[in-house]
PDB file of N, CA and C in Angstrom:
ATOM      1  N   MET A   1       1.210  -0.986   0.644  1.00  0.00           N
ATOM      2  CA  MET A   1       0.042  -0.010   0.115  1.00  0.00           C
ATOM      3  C   MET A   1       0.667   1.344   0.164  1.00  0.00           C
ATOM      4  N   TYR A   2       0.633   2.060  -0.960  1.00  0.00           N
ATOM      5  CA  TYR A   2       1.175   3.349  -0.761  1.00  0.00           C
ATOM      6  C   TYR A   2       1.116   4.654  -1.629  1.00  0.00           C
ATOM      7  N   ALA A   3       1.148   5.718  -0.923  1.00  0.00           N
ATOM      8  CA  ALA A   3       0.027   6.471  -1.417  1.00  0.00           C
ATOM      9  C   ALA A   3       0.899   7.587  -2.518  1.00  0.00           C
ATOM     10  N   ILE A   4       0.361   8.069  -2.713  1.00  0.00           N
ATOM     11  CA  ILE A   4       1.444  10.246  -3.932  1.00  0.00           C
ATOM     12  C   ILE A   4       0.803  11.295  -3.273  1.00  0.00           C
ATOM     13  N   ILE A   5       1.431  12.173  -2.172  1.00  0.00           N
ATOM     14  CA  ILE A   5       0.875  12.434  -2.209  1.00  0.00           C
ATOM     15  C   ILE A   5       1.887  14.085  -2.725  1.00  0.00           C
ATOM     16  N   GLU A   6       1.475  15.648  -2.609  1.00  0.00           N
ATOM     17  CA  GLU A   6       1.684  16.292  -3.101  1.00  0.00           C
ATOM     18  C   GLU A   6       1.885  17.518  -1.700  1.00  0.00           C
ATOM     19  N   THR A   7       3.395  18.007  -1.569  1.00  0.00           N
ATOM     20  CA  THR A   7       4.085  18.578  -0.830  1.00  0.00           C
ATOM     21  C   THR A   7       4.373  20.158  -1.496  1.00  0.00           C
ATOM     22  N   GLY A   8       4.788  20.907  -0.942  1.00  0.00           N
ATOM     23  CA  GLY A   8       5.654  22.498  -1.999  1.00  0.00           C
ATOM     24  C   GLY A   8       5.394  22.039  -3.295  1.00  0.00           C
ATOM     25  N   GLY A   9       4.711  21.832  -4.049  1.00  0.00           N
ATOM     26  CA  GLY A   9       4.981  22.242  -5.376  1.00  0.00           C
ATOM     27  C   GLY A   9       5.088  20.726  -6.212  1.00  0.00           C
ATOM     28  N   LYS A  10       5.666  19.873  -4.865  1.00  0.00           N
ATOM     29  CA  LYS A  10       5.964  19.024  -6.124  1.00  0.00           C
ATOM     30  C   LYS A  10       5.213  17.657  -4.808  1.00  0.00           C
ATOM     31  N   GLN A  11       5.410  16.272  -5.887  1.00  0.00           N
ATOM     32  CA  GLN A  11       4.540  15.260  -5.838  1.00  0.00           C
ATOM     33  C   GLN A  11       5.699  13.679  -5.161  1.00  0.00           C
ATOM     34  N   TYR A  12       5.699  12.827  -3.861  1.00  0.00           N
ATOM     35  CA  TYR A  12       6.062  12.492  -3.919  1.00  0.00           C
ATOM     36  C   TYR A  12       5.622  10.824  -3.141  1.00  0.00           C
ATOM     37  N   LYS A  13       6.180   9.846  -4.034  1.00  0.00           N
ATOM     38  CA  LYS A  13       5.758   8.829  -3.636  1.00  0.00           C
ATOM     39  C   LYS A  13       5.835   7.490  -2.086  1.00  0.00           C
ATOM     40  N   VAL A  14       5.121   7.990  -1.253  1.00  0.00           N
ATOM     41  CA  VAL A  14       4.953   7.620   0.495  1.00  0.00           C
ATOM     42  C   VAL A  14       4.092   6.164   0.514  1.00  0.00           C
ATOM     43  N   GLN A  15       5.354   5.477   1.384  1.00  0.00           N
ATOM     44  CA  GLN A  15       4.566   3.918   2.192  1.00  0.00           C
ATOM     45  C   GLN A  15       4.910   4.608   3.725  1.00  0.00           C
ATOM     46  N   LYS A  16       4.338   3.924   4.868  1.00  0.00           N
ATOM     47  CA  LYS A  16       4.413   3.633   6.063  1.00  0.00           C
ATOM     48  C   LYS A  16       6.178   3.383   6.422  1.00  0.00           C
ATOM     49  N   ASP A  17       6.332   4.115   7.676  1.00  0.00           N
ATOM     50  CA  ASP A  17       7.445   4.759   8.280  1.00  0.00           C
ATOM     51  C   ASP A  17       9.324   4.910   6.958  1.00  0.00           C
ATOM     52  N   ASP A  18       8.071   5.756   5.917  1.00  0.00           N
ATOM     53  CA  ASP A  18       9.200   6.239   5.285  1.00  0.00           C
ATOM     54  C   ASP A  18       9.820   8.201   5.726  1.00  0.00           C
ATOM     55  N   VAL A  19      10.880   7.729   5.317  1.00  0.00           N
ATOM     56  CA  VAL A  19      11.003   9.276   5.994  1.00  0.00           C
ATOM     57  C   VAL A  19      11.443  10.479   4.345  1.00  0.00           C
ATOM     58  N   ILE A  20      10.664  11.049   4.567  1.00  0.00           N
ATOM     59  CA  ILE A  20      11.058  12.508   3.031  1.00  0.00           C
ATOM     60  C   ILE A  20      11.746  13.470   3.994  1.00  0.00           C
ATOM     61  N   PHE A  21      12.555  13.952   2.552  1.00  0.00           N
ATOM     62  CA  PHE A  21      12.808  15.304   2.633  1.00  0.00           C
ATOM     63  C   PHE A  21      11.837  16.404   1.930  1.00  0.00           C
ATOM     64  N   VAL A  22      10.883  16.814   2.615  1.00  0.00           N
ATOM     65  CA  VAL A  22      10.254  18.432   2.021  1.00  0.00           C
ATOM     66  C   VAL A  22      11.047  18.891   1.300  1.00  0.00           C
ATOM     67  N   GLU A  23       9.233  19.968   1.002  1.00  0.00           N
ATOM     68  CA  GLU A  23       9.807  21.762   0.927  1.00  0.00           C
ATOM     69  C   GLU A  23       9.925  22.528   2.442  1.00  0.00           C
ATOM     70  N   LYS A  24      10.059  23.479   2.963  1.00  0.00           N
ATOM     71  CA  LYS A  24       9.824  23.414   4.782  1.00  0.00           C
ATOM     72  C   LYS A  24       8.560  23.829   4.479  1.00  0.00           C
ATOM     73  N   LEU A  25       8.463  23.313   5.482  1.00  0.00           N
ATOM     74  CA  LEU A  25       6.926  23.485   6.583  1.00  0.00           C
ATOM     75  C   LEU A  25       7.370  23.866   7.855  1.00  0.00           C
ATOM     76  N   THR A  26       5.563  24.982   7.732  1.00  0.00           N
ATOM     77  CA  THR A  26       5.838  26.188   8.807  1.00  0.00           C
ATOM     78  C   THR A  26       4.929  24.886  10.357  1.00  0.00           C
ATOM     79  N   ALA A  27       5.492  23.814  10.151  1.00  0.00           N
ATOM     80  CA  ALA A  27       5.480  23.091  11.674  1.00  0.00           C
ATOM     81  C   ALA A  27       6.479  22.425  12.464  1.00  0.00           C
ATOM     82  N   GLU A  28       6.762  23.248  13.726  1.00  0.00           N
ATOM     83  CA  GLU A  28       7.705  22.389  14.929  1.00  0.00           C
ATOM     84  C   GLU A  28       8.006  21.384  15.177  1.00  0.00           C
ATOM     85  N   GLU A  29       9.808  20.928  15.396  1.00  0.00           N
ATOM     86  CA  GLU A  29       9.451  19.745  15.187  1.00  0.00           C
ATOM     87  C   GLU A  29       8.946  18.490  16.035  1.00  0.00           C
ATOM     88  N   GLY A  30       8.716  16.946  16.590  1.00  0.00           N
ATOM     89  CA  GLY A  30       7.719  16.487  16.857  1.00  0.00           C
ATOM     90  C   GLY A  30       6.271  16.729  16.836  1.00  0.00           C
ATOM     91  N   SER A  31       6.157  18.053  15.783  1.00  0.00           N
ATOM     92  CA  SER A  31       4.222  17.831  15.890  1.00  0.00           C
ATOM     93  C   SER A  31       4.323  17.182  14.606  1.00  0.00           C
ATOM     94  N   SER A  32       2.954  17.073  13.681  1.00  0.00           N
ATOM     95  CA  SER A  32       1.926  16.265  13.266  1.00  0.00           C
ATOM     96  C   SER A  32       1.518  16.787  12.061  1.00  0.00           C
ATOM     97  N   VAL A  33       1.879  16.700  11.158  1.00  0.00           N
ATOM     98  CA  VAL A  33       1.503  17.154   9.580  1.00  0.00           C
ATOM     99  C   VAL A  33       0.554  16.247   9.099  1.00  0.00           C
ATOM    100  N   ASP A  34      -0.472  16.590   7.377  1.00  0.00           N
ATOM    101  CA  ASP A  34      -1.180  15.665   6.877  1.00  0.00           C
ATOM    102  C   ASP A  34      -0.867  16.177   6.300  1.00  0.00           C
ATOM    103  N   PHE A  35      -1.174  16.023   4.583  1.00  0.00           N
ATOM    104  CA  PHE A  35      -1.144  15.908   3.290  1.00  0.00           C
ATOM    105  C   PHE A  35      -2.049  15.440   2.528  1.00  0.00           C
ATOM    106  N   LYS A  36      -1.819  15.542   1.640  1.00  0.00           N
ATOM    107  CA  LYS A  36      -2.657  15.978   0.426  1.00  0.00           C
ATOM    108  C   LYS A  36      -2.846  14.912  -0.239  1.00  0.00           C
ATOM    109  N   VAL A  37      -3.766  14.122  -1.078  1.00  0.00           N
ATOM    110  CA  VAL A  37      -4.035  12.759  -1.771  1.00  0.00           C
ATOM    111  C   VAL A  37      -3.300  13.058  -2.855  1.00  0.00           C
ATOM    112  N   VAL A  38      -2.888  12.450  -4.032  1.00  0.00           N
ATOM    113  CA  VAL A  38      -3.433  12.522  -5.182  1.00  0.00           C
ATOM    114  C   VAL A  38      -4.316  11.942  -5.722  1.00  0.00           C
ATOM    115  N   ALA A  39      -3.151  10.322  -4.680  1.00  0.00           N
ATOM    116  CA  ALA A  39      -3.767   8.886  -5.309  1.00  0.00           C
ATOM    117  C   ALA A  39      -3.568   8.307  -4.310  1.00  0.00           C
ATOM    118  N   PHE A  40      -4.170   7.191  -4.360  1.00  0.00           N
ATOM    119  CA  PHE A  40      -3.730   6.201  -3.475  1.00  0.00           C
ATOM    120  C   PHE A  40      -3.963   4.309  -3.919  1.00  0.00           C
ATOM    121  N   PHE A  41      -2.902   4.044  -3.868  1.00  0.00           N
ATOM    122  CA  PHE A  41      -2.931   2.418  -4.370  1.00  0.00           C
ATOM    123  C   PHE A  41      -3.254   1.548  -3.198  1.00  0.00           C
ATOM    124  N   ASN A  42      -3.643   0.532  -3.707  1.00  0.00           N
ATOM    125  CA  ASN A  42      -3.947  -0.683  -2.385  1.00  0.00           C
ATOM    126  C   ASN A  42      -3.296  -2.372  -3.528  1.00  0.00           C
ATOM    127  N   GLU A  43      -4.204  -3.090  -2.940  1.00  0.00           N
ATOM    128  CA  GLU A  43      -3.585  -4.293  -3.275  1.00  0.00           C
ATOM    129  C   GLU A  43      -4.611  -4.353  -4.109  1.00  0.00           C
ATOM    130  N   GLY A  44      -5.172  -4.217  -5.431  1.00  0.00           N
ATOM    131  CA  GLY A  44      -6.184  -4.563  -6.989  1.00  0.00           C
ATOM    132  C   GLY A  44      -6.574  -3.101  -6.622  1.00  0.00           C
ATOM    133  N   ASN A  45      -6.969  -2.455  -5.958  1.00  0.00           N
ATOM    134  CA  ASN A  45      -7.753  -1.127  -5.322  1.00  0.00           C
ATOM    135  C   ASN A  45      -6.354   0.465  -5.714  1.00  0.00           C
ATOM    136  N   THR A  46      -6.815   0.929  -6.658  1.00  0.00           N
ATOM    137  CA  THR A  46      -6.508   1.769  -7.257  1.00  0.00           C
ATOM    138  C   THR A  46      -7.945   3.360  -6.827  1.00  0.00           C
ATOM    139  N   ILE A  47      -7.024   4.193  -6.280  1.00  0.00           N
ATOM    140  CA  ILE A  47      -8.209   5.580  -6.225  1.00  0.00           C
ATOM    141  C   ILE A  47      -8.023   6.958  -7.154  1.00  0.00           C
ATOM    142  N   ILE A  48      -7.844   7.780  -7.845  1.00  0.00           N
ATOM    143  CA  ILE A  48      -6.771   8.709  -8.056  1.00  0.00           C
ATOM    144  C   ILE A  48      -7.734  10.149  -7.829  1.00  0.00           C
ATOM    145  N   GLY A  49      -7.325  11.055  -7.693  1.00  0.00           N
ATOM    146  CA  GLY A  49      -8.158  11.968  -6.988  1.00  0.00           C
ATOM    147  C   GLY A  49      -8.297  13.465  -8.238  1.00  0.00           C
ATOM    148  N   ASP A  50      -9.456  13.559  -8.145  1.00  0.00           N
ATOM    149  CA  ASP A  50      -9.763  14.582  -9.076  1.00  0.00           C
ATOM    150  C   ASP A  50     -10.174  16.147  -8.322  1.00  0.00           C
ATOM    151  N   PRO A  51      -9.117  16.917  -8.322  1.00  0.00           N
ATOM    152  CA  PRO A  51      -7.616  16.502  -8.081  1.00  0.00           C
ATOM    153  C   PRO A  51      -6.698  15.999  -7.156  1.00  0.00           C
ATOM    154  N   TYR A  52      -7.704  15.858  -5.552  1.00  0.00           N
ATOM    155  CA  TYR A  52      -7.350  15.216  -4.942  1.00  0.00           C
ATOM    156  C   TYR A  52      -8.349  13.621  -4.322  1.00  0.00           C
ATOM    157  N   VAL A  53      -7.695  13.618  -3.408  1.00  0.00           N
ATOM    158  CA  VAL A  53      -8.393  12.039  -2.754  1.00  0.00           C
ATOM    159  C   VAL A  53      -8.979  11.688  -0.799  1.00  0.00           C
ATOM    160  N   ASP A  54     -10.506  12.345  -1.166  1.00  0.00           N
ATOM    161  CA  ASP A  54     -10.766  12.850   0.087  1.00  0.00           C
ATOM    162  C   ASP A  54     -10.740  12.627   1.125  1.00  0.00           C
ATOM    163  N   SER A  55     -11.265  10.939   1.230  1.00  0.00           N
ATOM    164  CA  SER A  55     -10.863   9.223   1.794  1.00  0.00           C
ATOM    165  C   SER A  55      -9.977   8.858   2.274  1.00  0.00           C
ATOM    166  N   VAL A  56      -8.689   9.218   1.531  1.00  0.00           N
ATOM    167  CA  VAL A  56      -7.463   9.376   2.024  1.00  0.00           C
ATOM    168  C   VAL A  56      -6.782   9.938   2.957  1.00  0.00           C
ATOM    169  N   LYS A  57      -6.146   9.952   4.117  1.00  0.00           N
ATOM    170  CA  LYS A  57      -5.234  10.654   4.256  1.00  0.00           C
ATOM    171  C   LYS A  57      -3.787   9.901   4.467  1.00  0.00           C
ATOM    172  N   VAL A  58      -2.616  10.775   4.971  1.00  0.00           N
ATOM    173  CA  VAL A  58      -1.327  10.566   4.539  1.00  0.00           C
ATOM    174  C   VAL A  58      -1.113  12.072   6.151  1.00  0.00           C
ATOM    175  N   LEU A  59      -0.779  10.581   7.121  1.00  0.00           N
ATOM    176  CA  LEU A  59      -0.099  11.545   8.978  1.00  0.00           C
ATOM    177  C   LEU A  59       1.329  10.837   8.747  1.00  0.00           C
ATOM    178  N   GLY A  60       2.256  12.761   9.095  1.00  0.00           N
ATOM    179  CA  GLY A  60       3.661  12.263   8.858  1.00  0.00           C
ATOM    180  C   GLY A  60       3.716  13.752  10.478  1.00  0.00           C
ATOM    181  N   LYS A  61       5.307  13.150  10.474  1.00  0.00           N
ATOM    182  CA  LYS A  61       5.749  13.070  12.072  1.00  0.00           C
ATOM    183  C   LYS A  61       6.574  14.341  11.108  1.00  0.00           C
ATOM    184  N   VAL A  62       6.586  15.768  11.911  1.00  0.00           N
ATOM    185  CA  VAL A  62       8.293  15.921  11.514  1.00  0.00           C
ATOM    186  C   VAL A  62       9.419  15.705  12.606  1.00  0.00           C
ATOM    187  N   LEU A  63      10.470  15.408  12.234  1.00  0.00           N
ATOM    188  CA  LEU A  63      11.803  15.032  12.731  1.00  0.00           C
ATOM    189  C   LEU A  63      12.391  16.214  12.495  1.00  0.00           C
ATOM    190  N   LYS A  64      12.830  17.421  11.723  1.00  0.00           N
ATOM    191  CA  LYS A  64      14.463  18.198  11.712  1.00  0.00           C
ATOM    192  C   LYS A  64      14.238  18.940  10.294  1.00  0.00           C
ATOM    193  N   ASN A  65      14.172  20.388  11.509  1.00  0.00           N
ATOM    194  CA  ASN A  65      13.928  21.738  10.019  1.00  0.00           C
ATOM    195  C   ASN A  65      15.716  21.699   9.814  1.00  0.00           C
ATOM    196  N   GLY A  66      15.761  21.954   9.174  1.00  0.00           N
ATOM    197  CA  GLY A  66      17.140  22.415   8.281  1.00  0.00           C
ATOM    198  C   GLY A  66      17.816  22.595   6.781  1.00  0.00           C
ATOM    199  N   LYS A  67      18.772  23.090   6.830  1.00  0.00           N
ATOM    200  CA  LYS A  67      18.814  23.436   5.568  1.00  0.00           C
ATOM    201  C   LYS A  67      20.097  22.453   4.540  1.00  0.00           C
ATOM    202  N   GLY A  68      19.672  22.511   3.614  1.00  0.00           N
ATOM    203  CA  GLY A  68      20.753  21.974   2.572  1.00  0.00           C
ATOM    204  C   GLY A  68      22.549  21.500   2.142  1.00  0.00           C
ATOM    205  N   LYS A  69      23.367  21.225   1.819  1.00  0.00           N
ATOM    206  CA  LYS A  69      24.750  21.795   1.033  1.00  0.00           C
ATOM    207  C   LYS A  69      24.485  23.275   0.585  1.00  0.00           C
ATOM    208  N   LYS A  70      25.697  24.145   0.157  1.00  0.00           N
ATOM    209  CA  LYS A  70      25.010  24.576   0.165  1.00  0.00           C
ATOM    210  C   LYS A  70      26.214  24.667  -1.242  1.00  0.00           C
ATOM    211  N   ILE A  71      25.511  25.589  -1.912  1.00  0.00           N
ATOM    212  CA  ILE A  71      25.554  25.920  -4.018  1.00  0.00           C
ATOM    213  C   ILE A  71      25.955  27.037  -3.759  1.00  0.00           C
ATOM    214  N   THR A  72      27.258  26.322  -5.115  1.00  0.00           N
ATOM    215  CA  THR A  72      28.047  27.973  -5.257  1.00  0.00           C
ATOM    216  C   THR A  72      27.306  28.960  -6.707  1.00  0.00           C
ATOM    217  N   VAL A  73      26.630  30.016  -6.657  1.00  0.00           N
ATOM    218  CA  VAL A  73      26.327  30.596  -7.860  1.00  0.00           C
ATOM    219  C   VAL A  73      27.418  31.596  -8.336  1.00  0.00           C
ATOM    220  N   PHE A  74      27.240  31.728 -10.150  1.00  0.00           N
ATOM    221  CA  PHE A  74      28.275  31.705 -10.403  1.00  0.00           C
ATOM    222  C   PHE A  74      28.059  33.563 -11.803  1.00  0.00           C
ATOM    223  N   THR A  75      27.836  34.061 -11.308  1.00  0.00           N
ATOM    224  CA  THR A  75      28.339  34.455 -12.409  1.00  0.00           C
ATOM    225  C   THR A  75      29.341  36.067 -12.800  1.00  0.00           C
ATOM    226  N   TYR A  76      28.662  35.734 -15.004  1.00  0.00           N
ATOM    227  CA  TYR A  76      29.911  36.536 -14.680  1.00  0.00           C
ATOM    228  C   TYR A  76      29.941  37.061 -16.501  1.00  0.00           C
ATOM    229  N   LYS A  77      29.590  38.028 -17.072  1.00  0.00           N
ATOM    230  CA  LYS A  77      30.169  38.680 -18.772  1.00  0.00           C
ATOM    231  C   LYS A  77      30.886  39.090 -19.139  1.00  0.00           C
ATOM    232  N   PRO A  78      31.779  38.123 -20.423  1.00  0.00           N
ATOM    233  CA  PRO A  78      33.188  38.155 -20.405  1.00  0.00           C
ATOM    234  C   PRO A  78      33.469  39.206 -20.937  1.00  0.00           C
ATOM    235  N   LYS A  79      35.031  39.609 -20.572  1.00  0.00           N
ATOM    236  CA  LYS A  79      34.842  41.195 -21.122  1.00  0.00           C
ATOM    237  C   LYS A  79      34.874  42.462 -20.906  1.00  0.00           C
ATOM    238  N   LYS A  80      33.586  42.029 -19.998  1.00  0.00           N
ATOM    239  CA  LYS A  80      33.319  43.205 -18.983  1.00  0.00           C
ATOM    240  C   LYS A  80      33.565  43.546 -17.391  1.00  0.00           C
ATOM    241  N   SER A  81      34.581  42.731 -16.670  1.00  0.00           N
ATOM    242  CA  SER A  81      35.525  42.853 -15.474  1.00  0.00           C
ATOM    243  C   SER A  81      34.552  42.758 -14.166  1.00  0.00           C
ATOM    244  N   VAL A  82      32.716  41.702 -14.708  1.00  0.00           N
ATOM    245  CA  VAL A  82      31.718  42.109 -13.796  1.00  0.00           C
ATOM    246  C   VAL A  82      31.503  40.095 -13.893  1.00  0.00           C
ATOM    247  N   LYS A  83      31.444  40.471 -12.510  1.00  0.00           N
ATOM    248  CA  LYS A  83      31.609  38.914 -11.448  1.00  0.00           C
ATOM    249  C   LYS A  83      31.548  38.926 -10.275  1.00  0.00           C
ATOM    250  N   ARG A  84      30.152  37.804 -10.683  1.00  0.00           N
ATOM    251  CA  ARG A  84      29.168  38.101  -8.595  1.00  0.00           C
ATOM    252  C   ARG A  84      29.226  36.522  -8.368  1.00  0.00           C
ATOM    253  N   LYS A  85      29.620  36.544  -7.092  1.00  0.00           N
ATOM    254  CA  LYS A  85      29.637  34.902  -6.366  1.00  0.00           C
ATOM    255  C   LYS A  85      28.663  35.070  -4.904  1.00  0.00           C
ATOM    256  N   LEU A  86      27.365  33.884  -5.545  1.00  0.00           N
ATOM    257  CA  LEU A  86      26.644  33.704  -4.266  1.00  0.00           C
ATOM    258  C   LEU A  86      26.282  32.091  -3.648  1.00  0.00           C
ATOM    259  N   GLY A  87      26.238  31.848  -2.886  1.00  0.00           N
ATOM    260  CA  GLY A  87      25.270  30.759  -2.303  1.00  0.00           C
ATOM    261  C   GLY A  87      24.542  30.705  -1.598  1.00  0.00           C
ATOM    262  N   HIS A  88      23.600  29.669  -2.497  1.00  0.00           N
ATOM    263  CA  HIS A  88      22.554  29.383  -1.342  1.00  0.00           C
ATOM    264  C   HIS A  88      22.453  27.943  -0.722  1.00  0.00           C
ATOM    265  N   ARG A  89      22.076  27.823   0.598  1.00  0.00           N
ATOM    266  CA  ARG A  89      21.199  26.548   1.252  1.00  0.00           C
ATOM    267  C   ARG A  89      19.764  26.357   0.925  1.00  0.00           C
ATOM    268  N   GLN A  90      19.514  25.133   0.563  1.00  0.00           N
ATOM    269  CA  GLN A  90      18.153  25.716   0.826  1.00  0.00           C
ATOM    270  C   GLN A  90      16.789  24.953   2.142  1.00  0.00           C
ATOM    271  N   PRO A  91      16.442  25.346   2.374  1.00  0.00           N
ATOM    272  CA  PRO A  91      15.567  25.048   3.537  1.00  0.00           C
ATOM    273  C   PRO A  91      14.988  24.273   3.546  1.00  0.00           C
ATOM    274  N   TYR A  92      15.265  23.057   4.301  1.00  0.00           N
ATOM    275  CA  TYR A  92      13.957  21.710   4.114  1.00  0.00           C
ATOM    276  C   TYR A  92      13.153  21.363   5.573  1.00  0.00           C
ATOM    277  N   THR A  93      12.755  20.368   5.549  1.00  0.00           N
ATOM    278  CA  THR A  93      11.677  19.575   6.713  1.00  0.00           C
ATOM    279  C   THR A  93      12.110  17.956   6.457  1.00  0.00           C
ATOM    280  N   LYS A  94      13.195  16.958   7.666  1.00  0.00           N
ATOM    281  CA  LYS A  94      12.836  16.246   7.437  1.00  0.00           C
ATOM    282  C   LYS A  94      11.255  15.575   7.980  1.00  0.00           C
ATOM    283  N   VAL A  95      10.741  14.849   6.842  1.00  0.00           N
ATOM    284  CA  VAL A  95       8.780  14.028   7.967  1.00  0.00           C
ATOM    285  C   VAL A  95       9.128  12.697   7.858  1.00  0.00           C
ATOM    286  N   CYS A  96       9.165  11.319   8.707  1.00  0.00           N
ATOM    287  CA  CYS A  96       8.508  10.362   9.535  1.00  0.00           C
ATOM    288  C   CYS A  96       6.728  10.165   9.096  1.00  0.00           C
ATOM    289  N   ILE A  97       6.835   9.547   7.838  1.00  0.00           N
ATOM    290  CA  ILE A  97       4.632   9.099   7.711  1.00  0.00           C
ATOM    291  C   ILE A  97       5.028   8.333   8.073  1.00  0.00           C
ATOM    292  N   GLU A  98       4.086   7.989   9.605  1.00  0.00           N
ATOM    293  CA  GLU A  98       3.409   6.958  10.111  1.00  0.00           C
ATOM    294  C   GLU A  98       1.738   6.399  10.011  1.00  0.00           C
ATOM    295  N   ALA A  99       1.488   7.588   9.148  1.00  0.00           N
ATOM    296  CA  ALA A  99       0.164   5.984   8.885  1.00  0.00           C
ATOM    297  C   ALA A  99      -0.430   6.677   7.481  1.00  0.00           C
ATOM    298  N   ILE A 100      -0.687   5.559   6.693  1.00  0.00           N
ATOM    299  CA  ILE A 100      -1.579   5.795   5.573  1.00  0.00           C
ATOM    300  C   ILE A 100      -3.501   5.281   6.216  1.00  0.00           C
ATOM    301  N   ASN A 101      -4.489   6.137   5.777  1.00  0.00           N
ATOM    302  CA  ASN A 101      -5.500   5.859   6.442  1.00  0.00           C
ATOM    303  C   ASN A 101      -6.144   5.874   5.338  1.00  0.00           C
ATOM    304  N   ALA A 102      -6.984   4.060   5.338  1.00  0.00           N
ATOM    305  CA  ALA A 102      -7.815   4.820   4.075  1.00  0.00           C
ATOM    306  C   ALA A 102      -8.774   4.007   4.610  1.00  0.00           C
TER     307      ALA A 102
END
């Protein structure tokens, strides 16, 4: 049994006890969150939402809020002596999927 959830403009395939990294959520560590379910798959049973499946709930627990690895962004214009170097760390939320209630 697994479900396709949507959060942060992205979709994730999740099962019970999966740990996923999603775009930053406004939830504290240790709190529970529920996700919008796009599709649900069980043994021979498939439910596709239009756009979401209202009868299925996916519950998760926030394990950690943090930042990803640093990336370096470097832009320049040739022959103009124009250079710019930036760094970026994308914030994320680490979530453990506790239950899929169908």
